[in-house]
């Protein structure tokens, strides 16, 4: 049996990410993304979706970034079909269901954390 441990939602302005990239360049990207998540010429919209997804994961865990987890603790990927996948250092026993999208200059992500019943 499994139970829902937490739900997290986050929105991120793509324009804000564009401004951060212009101001901080690669330093901003390496702060948010793990090395295996970085892509050449990553558009701001994709980075904003990943930012929102990592923030939503941290909120679903009940802490927010900098509490129980940091950006580098959260690993993002995707299935062959393109659905997002999430793993979190220190929370390998949990399953993360995630959805992410963007429209009208805003990225949004939702995460549900599921744990097995003891």
PDB file of N, CA and C in Angstrom:
ATOM      1  N   UNK A   1       0.845  -1.176   0.000  1.00  0.00           N
ATOM      2  CA  UNK A   1       0.000   0.000   0.000  1.00  0.00           C
ATOM      3  C   UNK A   1       0.895   1.246   0.000  1.00  0.00           C
ATOM      4  N   UNK A   2       0.442   2.277  -0.686  1.00  0.00           N
ATOM      5  CA  UNK A   2       1.185   3.530  -0.741  1.00  0.00           C
ATOM      6  C   UNK A   2       0.306   4.671  -0.234  1.00  0.00           C
ATOM      7  N   UNK A   3       0.978   5.772   0.135  1.00  0.00           N
ATOM      8  CA  UNK A   3       0.220   6.949   0.568  1.00  0.00           C
ATOM      9  C   UNK A   3       0.868   8.206  -0.004  1.00  0.00           C
ATOM     10  N   UNK A   4       0.051   9.226  -0.203  1.00  0.00           N
ATOM     11  CA  UNK A   4       0.555  10.520  -0.660  1.00  0.00           C
ATOM     12  C   UNK A   4       1.188  11.216   0.533  1.00  0.00           C
ATOM     13  N   UNK A   5       2.458  11.563   0.384  1.00  0.00           N
ATOM     14  CA  UNK A   5       3.181  12.248   1.456  1.00  0.00           C
ATOM     15  C   UNK A   5       3.102  13.762   1.311  1.00  0.00           C
ATOM     16  N   UNK A   6       3.087  14.229   0.068  1.00  0.00           N
ATOM     17  CA  UNK A   6       3.056  15.674  -0.138  1.00  0.00           C
ATOM     18  C   UNK A   6       2.760  16.048  -1.567  1.00  0.00           C
ATOM     19  N   UNK A   7       2.330  17.283  -1.748  1.00  0.00           N
ATOM     20  CA  UNK A   7       2.051  17.842  -3.072  1.00  0.00           C
ATOM     21  C   UNK A   7       2.734  19.201  -3.130  1.00  0.00           C
ATOM     22  N   UNK A   8       3.386  19.473  -4.246  1.00  0.00           N
ATOM     23  CA  UNK A   8       4.047  20.764  -4.418  1.00  0.00           C
ATOM     24  C   UNK A   8       3.736  21.365  -5.772  1.00  0.00           C
ATOM     25  N   UNK A   9       3.589  22.671  -5.816  1.00  0.00           N
ATOM     26  CA  UNK A   9       3.330  23.410  -7.052  1.00  0.00           C
ATOM     27  C   UNK A   9       4.251  24.619  -7.075  1.00  0.00           C
ATOM     28  N   UNK A  10       4.751  24.958  -8.259  1.00  0.00           N
ATOM     29  CA  UNK A  10       5.552  26.165  -8.386  1.00  0.00           C
ATOM     30  C   UNK A  10       5.341  26.767  -9.760  1.00  0.00           C
ATOM     31  N   UNK A  11       5.435  28.078  -9.843  1.00  0.00           N
ATOM     32  CA  UNK A  11       5.426  28.790 -11.117  1.00  0.00           C
ATOM     33  C   UNK A  11       6.706  29.617 -11.199  1.00  0.00           C
ATOM     34  N   UNK A  12       7.173  29.809 -12.420  1.00  0.00           N
ATOM     35  CA  UNK A  12       8.415  30.559 -12.632  1.00  0.00           C
ATOM     36  C   UNK A  12       8.267  31.409 -13.886  1.00  0.00           C
ATOM     37  N   UNK A  13       8.551  32.674 -13.769  1.00  0.00           N
ATOM     38  CA  UNK A  13       8.508  33.583 -14.911  1.00  0.00           C
ATOM     39  C   UNK A  13       9.695  33.299 -15.840  1.00  0.00           C
ATOM     40  N   UNK A  14       9.408  33.044 -17.101  1.00  0.00           N
ATOM     41  CA  UNK A  14      10.479  32.796 -18.072  1.00  0.00           C
ATOM     42  C   UNK A  14      11.320  34.057 -18.239  1.00  0.00           C
ATOM     43  N   UNK A  15      10.701  35.219 -18.202  1.00  0.00           N
ATOM     44  CA  UNK A  15      11.436  36.484 -18.295  1.00  0.00           C
ATOM     45  C   UNK A  15      12.423  36.659 -17.154  1.00  0.00           C
ATOM     46  N   UNK A  16      12.034  36.234 -15.962  1.00  0.00           N
ATOM     47  CA  UNK A  16      12.949  36.311 -14.809  1.00  0.00           C
ATOM     48  C   UNK A  16      14.173  35.428 -15.031  1.00  0.00           C
ATOM     49  N   UNK A  17      13.959  34.259 -15.618  1.00  0.00           N
ATOM     50  CA  UNK A  17      15.078  33.363 -15.920  1.00  0.00           C
ATOM     51  C   UNK A  17      15.960  33.978 -17.001  1.00  0.00           C
ATOM     52  N   UNK A  18      15.350  34.594 -18.009  1.00  0.00           N
ATOM     53  CA  UNK A  18      16.142  35.275 -19.047  1.00  0.00           C
ATOM     54  C   UNK A  18      17.012  36.357 -18.424  1.00  0.00           C
ATOM     55  N   UNK A  19      16.461  37.125 -17.498  1.00  0.00           N
ATOM     56  CA  UNK A  19      17.234  38.172 -16.811  1.00  0.00           C
ATOM     57  C   UNK A  19      18.384  37.569 -16.009  1.00  0.00           C
ATOM     58  N   UNK A  20      18.124  36.468 -15.297  1.00  0.00           N
ATOM     59  CA  UNK A  20      19.171  35.817 -14.498  1.00  0.00           C
ATOM     60  C   UNK A  20      20.276  35.272 -15.396  1.00  0.00           C
ATOM     61  N   UNK A  21      19.902  34.720 -16.547  1.00  0.00           N
ATOM     62  CA  UNK A  21      20.906  34.220 -17.496  1.00  0.00           C
ATOM     63  C   UNK A  21      21.757  35.364 -18.038  1.00  0.00           C
ATOM     64  N   UNK A  22      21.120  36.492 -18.349  1.00  0.00           N
ATOM     65  CA  UNK A  22      21.867  37.647 -18.858  1.00  0.00           C
ATOM     66  C   UNK A  22      22.822  38.189 -17.802  1.00  0.00           C
ATOM     67  N   UNK A  23      22.404  38.184 -16.556  1.00  0.00           N
ATOM     68  CA  UNK A  23      23.210  38.749 -15.477  1.00  0.00           C
ATOM     69  C   UNK A  23      24.303  37.788 -15.000  1.00  0.00           C
ATOM     70  N   UNK A  24      23.969  36.505 -14.837  1.00  0.00           N
ATOM     71  CA  UNK A  24      24.895  35.553 -14.219  1.00  0.00           C
ATOM     72  C   UNK A  24      25.453  34.494 -15.164  1.00  0.00           C
ATOM     73  N   UNK A  25      24.860  34.344 -16.346  1.00  0.00           N
ATOM     74  CA  UNK A  25      25.345  33.391 -17.340  1.00  0.00           C
ATOM     75  C   UNK A  25      25.400  31.962 -16.834  1.00  0.00           C
ATOM     76  N   UNK A  26      26.452  31.234 -17.196  1.00  0.00           N
ATOM     77  CA  UNK A  26      26.567  29.816 -16.837  1.00  0.00           C
ATOM     78  C   UNK A  26      26.546  29.551 -15.332  1.00  0.00           C
ATOM     79  N   UNK A  27      26.967  30.527 -14.535  1.00  0.00           N
ATOM     80  CA  UNK A  27      26.938  30.354 -13.076  1.00  0.00           C
ATOM     81  C   UNK A  27      25.527  30.078 -12.573  1.00  0.00           C
ATOM     82  N   UNK A  28      24.543  30.752 -13.162  1.00  0.00           N
ATOM     83  CA  UNK A  28      23.153  30.540 -12.792  1.00  0.00           C
ATOM     84  C   UNK A  28      22.715  29.114 -13.144  1.00  0.00           C
ATOM     85  N   UNK A  29      23.074  28.675 -14.327  1.00  0.00           N
ATOM     86  CA  UNK A  29      22.688  27.330 -14.790  1.00  0.00           C
ATOM     87  C   UNK A  29      23.295  26.260 -13.892  1.00  0.00           C
ATOM     88  N   UNK A  30      24.575  26.366 -13.567  1.00  0.00           N
ATOM     89  CA  UNK A  30      25.228  25.334 -12.754  1.00  0.00           C
ATOM     90  C   UNK A  30      24.769  25.367 -11.300  1.00  0.00           C
ATOM     91  N   UNK A  31      24.207  26.466 -10.854  1.00  0.00           N
ATOM     92  CA  UNK A  31      23.639  26.517  -9.501  1.00  0.00           C
ATOM     93  C   UNK A  31      22.342  25.709  -9.437  1.00  0.00           C
ATOM     94  N   UNK A  32      21.552  25.768 -10.497  1.00  0.00           N
ATOM     95  CA  UNK A  32      20.235  25.137 -10.520  1.00  0.00           C
ATOM     96  C   UNK A  32      20.281  23.696 -11.012  1.00  0.00           C
ATOM     97  N   UNK A  33      21.063  23.437 -12.044  1.00  0.00           N
ATOM     98  CA  UNK A  33      21.053  22.123 -12.685  1.00  0.00           C
ATOM     99  C   UNK A  33      22.292  21.304 -12.349  1.00  0.00           C
ATOM    100  N   UNK A  34      22.088  20.003 -12.274  1.00  0.00           N
ATOM    101  CA  UNK A  34      23.200  19.069 -12.126  1.00  0.00           C
ATOM    102  C   UNK A  34      23.905  18.960 -13.480  1.00  0.00           C
ATOM    103  N   UNK A  35      25.181  18.585 -13.519  1.00  0.00           N
ATOM    104  CA  UNK A  35      25.912  18.547 -14.793  1.00  0.00           C
ATOM    105  C   UNK A  35      25.211  17.737 -15.887  1.00  0.00           C
ATOM    106  N   UNK A  36      24.593  16.609 -15.525  1.00  0.00           N
ATOM    107  CA  UNK A  36      23.938  15.771 -16.536  1.00  0.00           C
ATOM    108  C   UNK A  36      22.626  16.370 -17.049  1.00  0.00           C
ATOM    109  N   UNK A  37      22.134  17.428 -16.407  1.00  0.00           N
ATOM    110  CA  UNK A  37      20.892  18.075 -16.822  1.00  0.00           C
ATOM    111  C   UNK A  37      21.127  19.249 -17.769  1.00  0.00           C
ATOM    112  N   UNK A  38      22.359  19.718 -17.863  1.00  0.00           N
ATOM    113  CA  UNK A  38      22.689  20.889 -18.668  1.00  0.00           C
ATOM    114  C   UNK A  38      22.781  20.491 -20.136  1.00  0.00           C
ATOM    115  N   UNK A  39      22.151  21.302 -20.982  1.00  0.00           N
ATOM    116  CA  UNK A  39      22.208  21.098 -22.421  1.00  0.00           C
ATOM    117  C   UNK A  39      22.797  22.331 -23.075  1.00  0.00           C
ATOM    118  N   UNK A  40      23.464  22.145 -24.209  1.00  0.00           N
ATOM    119  CA  UNK A  40      23.996  23.287 -24.947  1.00  0.00           C
ATOM    120  C   UNK A  40      22.846  24.163 -25.432  1.00  0.00           C
ATOM    121  N   UNK A  41      23.034  25.463 -25.376  1.00  0.00           N
ATOM    122  CA  UNK A  41      22.048  26.435 -25.858  1.00  0.00           C
ATOM    123  C   UNK A  41      20.657  26.151 -25.306  1.00  0.00           C
ATOM    124  N   UNK A  42      20.588  25.909 -24.005  1.00  0.00           N
ATOM    125  CA  UNK A  42      19.302  25.627 -23.360  1.00  0.00           C
ATOM    126  C   UNK A  42      18.446  26.892 -23.348  1.00  0.00           C
ATOM    127  N   UNK A  43      17.250  26.830 -23.928  1.00  0.00           N
ATOM    128  CA  UNK A  43      16.392  28.022 -23.915  1.00  0.00           C
ATOM    129  C   UNK A  43      15.893  28.337 -22.500  1.00  0.00           C
ATOM    130  N   UNK A  44      15.632  29.602 -22.260  1.00  0.00           N
ATOM    131  CA  UNK A  44      15.179  30.043 -20.936  1.00  0.00           C
ATOM    132  C   UNK A  44      13.898  29.336 -20.517  1.00  0.00           C
ATOM    133  N   UNK A  45      13.004  29.040 -21.455  1.00  0.00           N
ATOM    134  CA  UNK A  45      11.742  28.371 -21.106  1.00  0.00           C
ATOM    135  C   UNK A  45      12.008  26.985 -20.519  1.00  0.00           C
ATOM    136  N   UNK A  46      12.970  26.264 -21.077  1.00  0.00           N
ATOM    137  CA  UNK A  46      13.286  24.928 -20.560  1.00  0.00           C
ATOM    138  C   UNK A  46      13.911  25.030 -19.172  1.00  0.00           C
ATOM    139  N   UNK A  47      14.801  25.991 -18.980  1.00  0.00           N
ATOM    140  CA  UNK A  47      15.410  26.193 -17.674  1.00  0.00           C
ATOM    141  C   UNK A  47      14.351  26.613 -16.645  1.00  0.00           C
ATOM    142  N   UNK A  48      13.409  27.449 -17.046  1.00  0.00           N
ATOM    143  CA  UNK A  48      12.329  27.865 -16.142  1.00  0.00           C
ATOM    144  C   UNK A  48      11.465  26.663 -15.743  1.00  0.00           C
ATOM    145  N   UNK A  49      11.189  25.767 -16.686  1.00  0.00           N
ATOM    146  CA  UNK A  49      10.416  24.562 -16.350  1.00  0.00           C
ATOM    147  C   UNK A  49      11.175  23.714 -15.344  1.00  0.00           C
ATOM    148  N   UNK A  50      12.470  23.571 -15.528  1.00  0.00           N
ATOM    149  CA  UNK A  50      13.270  22.771 -14.597  1.00  0.00           C
ATOM    150  C   UNK A  50      13.365  23.442 -13.224  1.00  0.00           C
ATOM    151  N   UNK A  51      13.498  24.763 -13.201  1.00  0.00           N
ATOM    152  CA  UNK A  51      13.502  25.500 -11.931  1.00  0.00           C
ATOM    153  C   UNK A  51      12.185  25.246 -11.203  1.00  0.00           C
ATOM    154  N   UNK A  52      11.066  25.430 -11.901  1.00  0.00           N
ATOM    155  CA  UNK A  52       9.751  25.233 -11.287  1.00  0.00           C
ATOM    156  C   UNK A  52       9.583  23.799 -10.791  1.00  0.00           C
ATOM    157  N   UNK A  53      10.072  22.835 -11.556  1.00  0.00           N
ATOM    158  CA  UNK A  53       9.945  21.438 -11.156  1.00  0.00           C
ATOM    159  C   UNK A  53      10.751  21.152  -9.894  1.00  0.00           C
ATOM    160  N   UNK A  54      11.971  21.657  -9.816  1.00  0.00           N
ATOM    161  CA  UNK A  54      12.778  21.433  -8.614  1.00  0.00           C
ATOM    162  C   UNK A  54      12.164  22.125  -7.400  1.00  0.00           C
ATOM    163  N   UNK A  55      11.636  23.323  -7.576  1.00  0.00           N
ATOM    164  CA  UNK A  55      10.967  24.021  -6.469  1.00  0.00           C
ATOM    165  C   UNK A  55       9.731  23.244  -6.022  1.00  0.00           C
ATOM    166  N   UNK A  56       8.964  22.713  -6.968  1.00  0.00           N
ATOM    167  CA  UNK A  56       7.764  21.945  -6.625  1.00  0.00           C
ATOM    168  C   UNK A  56       8.123  20.665  -5.871  1.00  0.00           C
ATOM    169  N   UNK A  57       9.231  20.025  -6.248  1.00  0.00           N
ATOM    170  CA  UNK A  57       9.701  18.828  -5.536  1.00  0.00           C
ATOM    171  C   UNK A  57      10.005  19.180  -4.082  1.00  0.00           C
ATOM    172  N   UNK A  58      10.769  20.251  -3.880  1.00  0.00           N
ATOM    173  CA  UNK A  58      11.130  20.659  -2.516  1.00  0.00           C
ATOM    174  C   UNK A  58       9.889  20.995  -1.692  1.00  0.00           C
ATOM    175  N   UNK A  59       8.925  21.663  -2.289  1.00  0.00           N
ATOM    176  CA  UNK A  59       7.685  21.991  -1.587  1.00  0.00           C
ATOM    177  C   UNK A  59       6.903  20.722  -1.250  1.00  0.00           C
ATOM    178  N   UNK A  60       6.874  19.763  -2.167  1.00  0.00           N
ATOM    179  CA  UNK A  60       6.171  18.500  -1.914  1.00  0.00           C
ATOM    180  C   UNK A  60       6.811  17.744  -0.753  1.00  0.00           C
ATOM    181  N   UNK A  61       8.120  17.932  -0.565  1.00  0.00           N
ATOM    182  CA  UNK A  61       8.818  17.304   0.559  1.00  0.00           C
ATOM    183  C   UNK A  61       8.628  18.093   1.854  1.00  0.00           C
ATOM    184  N   UNK A  62       7.981  19.259   1.745  1.00  0.00           N
ATOM    185  CA  UNK A  62       7.643  20.028   2.929  1.00  0.00           C
ATOM    186  C   UNK A  62       8.675  21.035   3.382  1.00  0.00           C
ATOM    187  N   UNK A  63       9.638  21.366   2.508  1.00  0.00           N
ATOM    188  CA  UNK A  63      10.689  22.255   2.983  1.00  0.00           C
ATOM    189  C   UNK A  63      10.950  23.469   2.112  1.00  0.00           C
ATOM    190  N   UNK A  64      10.926  23.323   0.826  1.00  0.00           N
ATOM    191  CA  UNK A  64      11.414  24.361  -0.071  1.00  0.00           C
ATOM    192  C   UNK A  64      12.911  24.182  -0.282  1.00  0.00           C
ATOM    193  N   UNK A  65      13.435  24.792  -1.324  1.00  0.00           N
ATOM    194  CA  UNK A  65      14.861  24.695  -1.634  1.00  0.00           C
ATOM    195  C   UNK A  65      15.666  25.308  -0.489  1.00  0.00           C
ATOM    196  N   UNK A  66      16.716  24.608  -0.090  1.00  0.00           N
ATOM    197  CA  UNK A  66      17.566  25.083   0.993  1.00  0.00           C
ATOM    198  C   UNK A  66      17.168  24.522   2.344  1.00  0.00           C
ATOM    199  N   UNK A  67      15.996  23.895   2.420  1.00  0.00           N
ATOM    200  CA  UNK A  67      15.570  23.246   3.658  1.00  0.00           C
ATOM    201  C   UNK A  67      16.158  21.848   3.700  1.00  0.00           C
ATOM    202  N   UNK A  68      15.332  20.870   3.445  1.00  0.00           N
ATOM    203  CA  UNK A  68      15.784  19.471   3.462  1.00  0.00           C
ATOM    204  C   UNK A  68      16.561  19.100   2.202  1.00  0.00           C
ATOM    205  N   UNK A  69      16.334  19.841   1.103  1.00  0.00           N
ATOM    206  CA  UNK A  69      17.010  19.540  -0.164  1.00  0.00           C
ATOM    207  C   UNK A  69      17.458  20.820  -0.850  1.00  0.00           C
ATOM    208  N   UNK A  70      18.467  20.682  -1.688  1.00  0.00           N
ATOM    209  CA  UNK A  70      18.933  21.781  -2.522  1.00  0.00           C
ATOM    210  C   UNK A  70      18.758  21.420  -3.984  1.00  0.00           C
ATOM    211  N   UNK A  71      19.015  22.373  -4.862  1.00  0.00           N
ATOM    212  CA  UNK A  71      18.877  22.123  -6.298  1.00  0.00           C
ATOM    213  C   UNK A  71      19.685  20.906  -6.752  1.00  0.00           C
ATOM    214  N   UNK A  72      20.889  20.745  -6.229  1.00  0.00           N
ATOM    215  CA  UNK A  72      21.764  19.657  -6.675  1.00  0.00           C
ATOM    216  C   UNK A  72      21.346  18.290  -6.142  1.00  0.00           C
ATOM    217  N   UNK A  73      20.463  18.254  -5.138  1.00  0.00           N
ATOM    218  CA  UNK A  73      19.958  16.986  -4.611  1.00  0.00           C
ATOM    219  C   UNK A  73      18.871  16.397  -5.497  1.00  0.00           C
ATOM    220  N   UNK A  74      18.266  17.214  -6.337  1.00  0.00           N
ATOM    221  CA  UNK A  74      17.136  16.801  -7.163  1.00  0.00           C
ATOM    222  C   UNK A  74      17.624  16.532  -8.581  1.00  0.00           C
ATOM    223  N   UNK A  75      17.426  15.294  -9.046  1.00  0.00           N
ATOM    224  CA  UNK A  75      17.838  14.902 -10.397  1.00  0.00           C
ATOM    225  C   UNK A  75      16.600  14.772 -11.279  1.00  0.00           C
ATOM    226  N   UNK A  76      16.606  15.504 -12.388  1.00  0.00           N
ATOM    227  CA  UNK A  76      15.495  15.468 -13.329  1.00  0.00           C
ATOM    228  C   UNK A  76      15.885  14.708 -14.582  1.00  0.00           C
ATOM    229  N   UNK A  77      14.937  14.001 -15.127  1.00  0.00           N
ATOM    230  CA  UNK A  77      15.126  13.300 -16.392  1.00  0.00           C
ATOM    231  C   UNK A  77      13.784  13.211 -17.080  1.00  0.00           C
ATOM    232  N   UNK A  78      13.689  12.278 -18.010  1.00  0.00           N
ATOM    233  CA  UNK A  78      12.403  12.069 -18.688  1.00  0.00           C
ATOM    234  C   UNK A  78      12.353  10.659 -19.262  1.00  0.00           C
ATOM    235  N   UNK A  79      11.155  10.176 -19.410  1.00  0.00           N
ATOM    236  CA  UNK A  79      10.947   8.861 -20.011  1.00  0.00           C
ATOM    237  C   UNK A  79      11.136   8.976 -21.523  1.00  0.00           C
ATOM    238  N   UNK A  80      11.131   7.840 -22.208  1.00  0.00           N
ATOM    239  CA  UNK A  80      11.223   7.865 -23.670  1.00  0.00           C
ATOM    240  C   UNK A  80      10.076   8.651 -24.283  1.00  0.00           C
ATOM    241  N   UNK A  81       8.929   8.623 -23.627  1.00  0.00           N
ATOM    242  CA  UNK A  81       7.757   9.353 -24.125  1.00  0.00           C
ATOM    243  C   UNK A  81       7.823  10.841 -23.800  1.00  0.00           C
ATOM    244  N   UNK A  82       8.786  11.260 -22.986  1.00  0.00           N
ATOM    245  CA  UNK A  82       8.959  12.673 -22.658  1.00  0.00           C
ATOM    246  C   UNK A  82       8.411  13.097 -21.310  1.00  0.00           C
ATOM    247  N   UNK A  83       7.792  12.181 -20.562  1.00  0.00           N
ATOM    248  CA  UNK A  83       7.265  12.525 -19.240  1.00  0.00           C
ATOM    249  C   UNK A  83       8.422  12.785 -18.278  1.00  0.00           C
ATOM    250  N   UNK A  84       8.289  13.776 -17.402  1.00  0.00           N
ATOM    251  CA  UNK A  84       9.378  14.067 -16.460  1.00  0.00           C
ATOM    252  C   UNK A  84       9.552  12.962 -15.420  1.00  0.00           C
ATOM    253  N   UNK A  85      10.813  12.737 -15.046  1.00  0.00           N
ATOM    254  CA  UNK A  85      11.138  11.814 -13.954  1.00  0.00           C
ATOM    255  C   UNK A  85      11.936  12.587 -12.920  1.00  0.00           C
ATOM    256  N   UNK A  86      11.797  12.168 -11.666  1.00  0.00           N
ATOM    257  CA  UNK A  86      12.453  12.858 -10.554  1.00  0.00           C
ATOM    258  C   UNK A  86      13.028  11.830  -9.599  1.00  0.00           C
ATOM    259  N   UNK A  87      14.271  12.039  -9.182  1.00  0.00           N
ATOM    260  CA  UNK A  87      14.853  11.303  -8.063  1.00  0.00           C
ATOM    261  C   UNK A  87      15.499  12.335  -7.144  1.00  0.00           C
ATOM    262  N   UNK A  88      15.498  12.022  -5.850  1.00  0.00           N
ATOM    263  CA  UNK A  88      16.020  12.975  -4.875  1.00  0.00           C
ATOM    264  C   UNK A  88      16.959  12.249  -3.924  1.00  0.00           C
ATOM    265  N   UNK A  89      18.174  12.780  -3.808  1.00  0.00           N
ATOM    266  CA  UNK A  89      19.160  12.225  -2.882  1.00  0.00           C
ATOM    267  C   UNK A  89      18.584  12.242  -1.463  1.00  0.00           C
ATOM    268  N   UNK A  90      18.660  11.083  -0.804  1.00  0.00           N
ATOM    269  CA  UNK A  90      18.143  10.965   0.547  1.00  0.00           C
ATOM    270  C   UNK A  90      16.670  10.583   0.610  1.00  0.00           C
ATOM    271  N   UNK A  91      16.035  10.500  -0.553  1.00  0.00           N
ATOM    272  CA  UNK A  91      14.613  10.156  -0.613  1.00  0.00           C
ATOM    273  C   UNK A  91      14.375   9.076  -1.678  1.00  0.00           C
ATOM    274  N   UNK A  92      15.319   8.155  -1.769  1.00  0.00           N
ATOM    275  CA  UNK A  92      15.255   7.117  -2.791  1.00  0.00           C
ATOM    276  C   UNK A  92      14.077   6.166  -2.593  1.00  0.00           C
ATOM    277  N   UNK A  93      13.518   6.124  -1.393  1.00  0.00           N
ATOM    278  CA  UNK A  93      12.382   5.245  -1.099  1.00  0.00           C
ATOM    279  C   UNK A  93      11.061   5.828  -1.588  1.00  0.00           C
ATOM    280  N   UNK A  94      11.064   7.065  -2.062  1.00  0.00           N
ATOM    281  CA  UNK A  94       9.838   7.740  -2.479  1.00  0.00           C
ATOM    282  C   UNK A  94       9.690   7.723  -4.003  1.00  0.00           C
ATOM    283  N   UNK A  95       8.450   7.786  -4.442  1.00  0.00           N
ATOM    284  CA  UNK A  95       8.138   7.891  -5.869  1.00  0.00           C
ATOM    285  C   UNK A  95       7.592   9.296  -6.113  1.00  0.00           C
ATOM    286  N   UNK A  96       8.093   9.961  -7.143  1.00  0.00           N
ATOM    287  CA  UNK A  96       7.684  11.322  -7.461  1.00  0.00           C
ATOM    288  C   UNK A  96       6.924  11.319  -8.784  1.00  0.00           C
ATOM    289  N   UNK A  97       5.681  11.764  -8.745  1.00  0.00           N
ATOM    290  CA  UNK A  97       4.881  11.951  -9.954  1.00  0.00           C
ATOM    291  C   UNK A  97       4.937  13.435 -10.280  1.00  0.00           C
ATOM    292  N   UNK A  98       5.272  13.769 -11.531  1.00  0.00           N
ATOM    293  CA  UNK A  98       5.493  15.172 -11.873  1.00  0.00           C
ATOM    294  C   UNK A  98       4.834  15.543 -13.190  1.00  0.00           C
ATOM    295  N   UNK A  99       4.434  16.799 -13.265  1.00  0.00           N
ATOM    296  CA  UNK A  99       3.923  17.377 -14.500  1.00  0.00           C
ATOM    297  C   UNK A  99       4.472  18.789 -14.609  1.00  0.00           C
ATOM    298  N   UNK A 100       4.862  19.173 -15.820  1.00  0.00           N
ATOM    299  CA  UNK A 100       5.445  20.503 -16.021  1.00  0.00           C
ATOM    300  C   UNK A 100       5.008  21.033 -17.384  1.00  0.00           C
ATOM    301  N   UNK A 101       4.806  22.349 -17.463  1.00  0.00           N
ATOM    302  CA  UNK A 101       4.369  22.970 -18.705  1.00  0.00           C
ATOM    303  C   UNK A 101       4.748  24.444 -18.689  1.00  0.00           C
ATOM    304  N   UNK A 102       4.608  25.096 -19.842  1.00  0.00           N
ATOM    305  CA  UNK A 102       4.768  26.550 -19.873  1.00  0.00           C
ATOM    306  C   UNK A 102       3.866  27.139 -20.939  1.00  0.00           C
ATOM    307  N   UNK A 103       3.423  28.373 -20.674  1.00  0.00           N
ATOM    308  CA  UNK A 103       2.590  29.107 -21.607  1.00  0.00           C
ATOM    309  C   UNK A 103       2.554  30.568 -21.156  1.00  0.00           C
ATOM    310  N   UNK A 104       2.418  31.449 -22.095  1.00  0.00           N
ATOM    311  CA  UNK A 104       2.258  32.882 -21.811  1.00  0.00           C
ATOM    312  C   UNK A 104       3.352  33.428 -20.898  1.00  0.00           C
ATOM    313  N   UNK A 105       4.582  32.935 -21.089  1.00  0.00           N
ATOM    314  CA  UNK A 105       5.716  33.472 -20.337  1.00  0.00           C
ATOM    315  C   UNK A 105       5.891  32.932 -18.934  1.00  0.00           C
ATOM    316  N   UNK A 106       5.153  31.862 -18.585  1.00  0.00           N
ATOM    317  CA  UNK A 106       5.230  31.294 -17.242  1.00  0.00           C
ATOM    318  C   UNK A 106       5.379  29.782 -17.333  1.00  0.00           C
ATOM    319  N   UNK A 107       6.296  29.236 -16.537  1.00  0.00           N
ATOM    320  CA  UNK A 107       6.443  27.782 -16.405  1.00  0.00           C
ATOM    321  C   UNK A 107       5.755  27.365 -15.115  1.00  0.00           C
ATOM    322  N   UNK A 108       5.098  26.204 -15.140  1.00  0.00           N
ATOM    323  CA  UNK A 108       4.405  25.697 -13.960  1.00  0.00           C
ATOM    324  C   UNK A 108       4.728  24.212 -13.800  1.00  0.00           C
ATOM    325  N   UNK A 109       4.870  23.783 -12.549  1.00  0.00           N
ATOM    326  CA  UNK A 109       5.144  22.374 -12.261  1.00  0.00           C
ATOM    327  C   UNK A 109       4.334  21.936 -11.052  1.00  0.00           C
ATOM    328  N   UNK A 110       3.931  20.668 -11.093  1.00  0.00           N
ATOM    329  CA  UNK A 110       3.234  20.058  -9.963  1.00  0.00           C
ATOM    330  C   UNK A 110       3.880  18.714  -9.693  1.00  0.00           C
ATOM    331  N   UNK A 111       4.072  18.409  -8.401  1.00  0.00           N
ATOM    332  CA  UNK A 111       4.705  17.156  -7.985  1.00  0.00           C
ATOM    333  C   UNK A 111       3.896  16.540  -6.861  1.00  0.00           C
ATOM    334  N   UNK A 112       3.734  15.218  -6.942  1.00  0.00           N
ATOM    335  CA  UNK A 112       3.118  14.448  -5.866  1.00  0.00           C
ATOM    336  C   UNK A 112       4.162  13.449  -5.382  1.00  0.00           C
ATOM    337  N   UNK A 113       4.381  13.409  -4.073  1.00  0.00           N
ATOM    338  CA  UNK A 113       5.330  12.455  -3.481  1.00  0.00           C
ATOM    339  C   UNK A 113       4.537  11.299  -2.883  1.00  0.00           C
ATOM    340  N   UNK A 114       4.904  10.091  -3.279  1.00  0.00           N
ATOM    341  CA  UNK A 114       4.217   8.890  -2.808  1.00  0.00           C
ATOM    342  C   UNK A 114       5.235   8.025  -2.070  1.00  0.00           C
ATOM    343  N   UNK A 115       4.863   7.537  -0.880  1.00  0.00           N
ATOM    344  CA  UNK A 115       5.730   6.658  -0.107  1.00  0.00           C
ATOM    345  C   UNK A 115       5.014   5.360   0.187  1.00  0.00           C
ATOM    346  N   UNK A 116       5.776   4.280   0.294  1.00  0.00           N
ATOM    347  CA  UNK A 116       5.155   3.014   0.667  1.00  0.00           C
ATOM    348  C   UNK A 116       4.717   3.050   2.134  1.00  0.00           C
ATOM    349  N   UNK A 117       3.591   2.429   2.422  1.00  0.00           N
ATOM    350  CA  UNK A 117       3.122   2.311   3.812  1.00  0.00           C
ATOM    351  C   UNK A 117       4.015   1.307   4.535  1.00  0.00           C
ATOM    352  N   UNK A 118       4.333   1.607   5.769  1.00  0.00           N
ATOM    353  CA  UNK A 118       5.188   0.697   6.546  1.00  0.00           C
ATOM    354  C   UNK A 118       4.379  -0.442   7.116  1.00  0.00           C
TER     355      UNK A 118
END
